[in-house]
Amino acid sequence: MPRTYLTSAERQQTRIQKMIAGWASGKTEQLAKAWELTPQAVNARIRTGNVTLLDLWKAREVFQFDLKDIEYLIGGGEKK
């Protein structure tokens, strides 16, 4: 059954969580080192969507995102 969003903020939050989960796929060990956490804590943080801006900054080399990705995350453009 498709998910129903009541607000655009909920839709954007889900979009951000999915993008971060995609970037983190297969990179748990690298993220654990960057965030100074255990791999289990990294997986829990990604699964719950509890990733902060500081976490993104620390993981910028691991994720290798660009300006288009950032614009998409904040709602400024469409992902291509």
C-alpha atoms as a PDB file:
ATOM      1  CA  MET A   1       0.000   0.000   0.000  1.00  0.00           C
ATOM      2  CA  PRO A   2       1.429   3.412  -0.903  1.00  0.00           C
ATOM      3  CA  ARG A   3       2.463   5.729   1.883  1.00  0.00           C
ATOM      4  CA  THR A   4       0.352   8.837   2.387  1.00  0.00           C
ATOM      5  CA  TYR A   5       2.035  12.052   3.475  1.00  0.00           C
ATOM      6  CA  LEU A   6       0.090  14.738   5.272  1.00  0.00           C
ATOM      7  CA  THR A   7       2.667  17.472   4.775  1.00  0.00           C
ATOM      8  CA  SER A   8       5.468  18.262   2.398  1.00  0.00           C
ATOM      9  CA  ALA A   9       7.859  18.195   5.389  1.00  0.00           C
ATOM     10  CA  GLU A  10       7.068  14.505   5.945  1.00  0.00           C
ATOM     11  CA  ARG A  11       7.664  13.818   2.262  1.00  0.00           C
ATOM     12  CA  GLN A  12      10.990  15.656   2.342  1.00  0.00           C
ATOM     13  CA  GLN A  13      12.096  13.862   5.528  1.00  0.00           C
ATOM     14  CA  THR A  14      11.438  10.492   3.900  1.00  0.00           C
ATOM     15  CA  ARG A  15      13.309  11.579   0.777  1.00  0.00           C
ATOM     16  CA  ILE A  16      16.337  12.604   2.870  1.00  0.00           C
ATOM     17  CA  GLN A  17      16.307   9.323   4.818  1.00  0.00           C
ATOM     18  CA  LYS A  18      16.179   7.278   1.610  1.00  0.00           C
ATOM     19  CA  MET A  19      19.023   9.205  -0.010  1.00  0.00           C
ATOM     20  CA  ILE A  20      21.258   8.848   3.039  1.00  0.00           C
ATOM     21  CA  ALA A  21      20.439   5.136   3.302  1.00  0.00           C
ATOM     22  CA  GLY A  22      21.373   4.723  -0.358  1.00  0.00           C
ATOM     23  CA  TRP A  23      24.657   6.576   0.079  1.00  0.00           C
ATOM     24  CA  ALA A  24      25.487   4.520   3.186  1.00  0.00           C
ATOM     25  CA  SER A  25      24.767   1.171   1.583  1.00  0.00           C
ATOM     26  CA  GLY A  26      27.889  -0.975   1.925  1.00  0.00           C
ATOM     27  CA  LYS A  27      29.888   1.761   3.671  1.00  0.00           C
ATOM     28  CA  THR A  28      29.112   0.990   7.309  1.00  0.00           C
ATOM     29  CA  GLU A  29      32.735   0.500   8.342  1.00  0.00           C
ATOM     30  CA  GLN A  30      33.846   3.760   6.724  1.00  0.00           C
ATOM     31  CA  LEU A  31      30.992   5.654   8.363  1.00  0.00           C
ATOM     32  CA  ALA A  32      31.752   4.084  11.727  1.00  0.00           C
ATOM     33  CA  LYS A  33      35.286   5.434  11.495  1.00  0.00           C
ATOM     34  CA  ALA A  34      34.147   8.900  10.323  1.00  0.00           C
ATOM     35  CA  TRP A  35      31.415   9.209  12.969  1.00  0.00           C
ATOM     36  CA  GLU A  36      33.481   7.480  15.680  1.00  0.00           C
ATOM     37  CA  LEU A  37      30.677   4.994  16.373  1.00  0.00           C
ATOM     38  CA  THR A  38      30.250   1.254  16.212  1.00  0.00           C
ATOM     39  CA  PRO A  39      28.891  -0.212  12.968  1.00  0.00           C
ATOM     40  CA  GLN A  40      25.713  -1.195  14.845  1.00  0.00           C
ATOM     41  CA  ALA A  41      25.205   2.405  15.989  1.00  0.00           C
ATOM     42  CA  VAL A  42      25.745   3.661  12.446  1.00  0.00           C
ATOM     43  CA  ASN A  43      23.099   1.270  11.109  1.00  0.00           C
ATOM     44  CA  ALA A  44      20.660   2.315  13.841  1.00  0.00           C
ATOM     45  CA  ARG A  45      21.252   6.001  13.158  1.00  0.00           C
ATOM     46  CA  ILE A  46      20.634   5.570   9.438  1.00  0.00           C
ATOM     47  CA  ARG A  47      17.604   3.322   9.937  1.00  0.00           C
ATOM     48  CA  THR A  48      15.908   5.818  12.283  1.00  0.00           C
ATOM     49  CA  GLY A  49      16.891   8.841  10.225  1.00  0.00           C
ATOM     50  CA  ASN A  50      18.777  10.391  13.121  1.00  0.00           C
ATOM     51  CA  VAL A  51      21.609  11.777  10.966  1.00  0.00           C
ATOM     52  CA  THR A  52      22.649  15.326  11.771  1.00  0.00           C
ATOM     53  CA  LEU A  53      24.283  17.954   9.600  1.00  0.00           C
ATOM     54  CA  LEU A  54      27.494  17.378  11.528  1.00  0.00           C
ATOM     55  CA  ASP A  55      27.290  13.683  10.628  1.00  0.00           C
ATOM     56  CA  LEU A  56      26.892  14.585   6.959  1.00  0.00           C
ATOM     57  CA  TRP A  57      29.871  16.916   7.174  1.00  0.00           C
ATOM     58  CA  LYS A  58      32.042  14.235   8.770  1.00  0.00           C
ATOM     59  CA  ALA A  59      30.997  11.709   6.106  1.00  0.00           C
ATOM     60  CA  ARG A  60      31.420  13.976   3.077  1.00  0.00           C
ATOM     61  CA  GLU A  61      34.350  11.932   1.691  1.00  0.00           C
ATOM     62  CA  VAL A  62      32.498   8.650   2.237  1.00  0.00           C
ATOM     63  CA  PHE A  63      29.233   9.778   0.617  1.00  0.00           C
ATOM     64  CA  GLN A  64      30.838  11.848  -2.176  1.00  0.00           C
ATOM     65  CA  PHE A  65      27.726  13.901  -2.836  1.00  0.00           C
ATOM     66  CA  ASP A  66      27.688  16.948  -5.084  1.00  0.00           C
ATOM     67  CA  LEU A  67      25.732  20.183  -5.379  1.00  0.00           C
ATOM     68  CA  LYS A  68      22.860  18.547  -7.297  1.00  0.00           C
ATOM     69  CA  ASP A  69      22.391  16.041  -4.479  1.00  0.00           C
ATOM     70  CA  ILE A  70      22.294  18.813  -1.873  1.00  0.00           C
ATOM     71  CA  GLU A  71      19.779  20.826  -3.933  1.00  0.00           C
ATOM     72  CA  TYR A  72      17.594  17.743  -4.248  1.00  0.00           C
ATOM     73  CA  LEU A  73      17.735  17.099  -0.493  1.00  0.00           C
ATOM     74  CA  ILE A  74      16.663  20.609   0.437  1.00  0.00           C
ATOM     75  CA  GLY A  75      13.931  20.612  -2.177  1.00  0.00           C
ATOM     76  CA  GLY A  76      15.500  22.975  -4.686  1.00  0.00           C
ATOM     77  CA  GLY A  77      15.534  20.683  -7.683  1.00  0.00           C
ATOM     78  CA  GLU A  78      14.693  17.370  -9.189  1.00  0.00           C
ATOM     79  CA  LYS A  79      17.086  14.412  -9.025  1.00  0.00           C
ATOM     80  CA  LYS A  80      18.350  13.308 -12.429  1.00  0.00           C
END
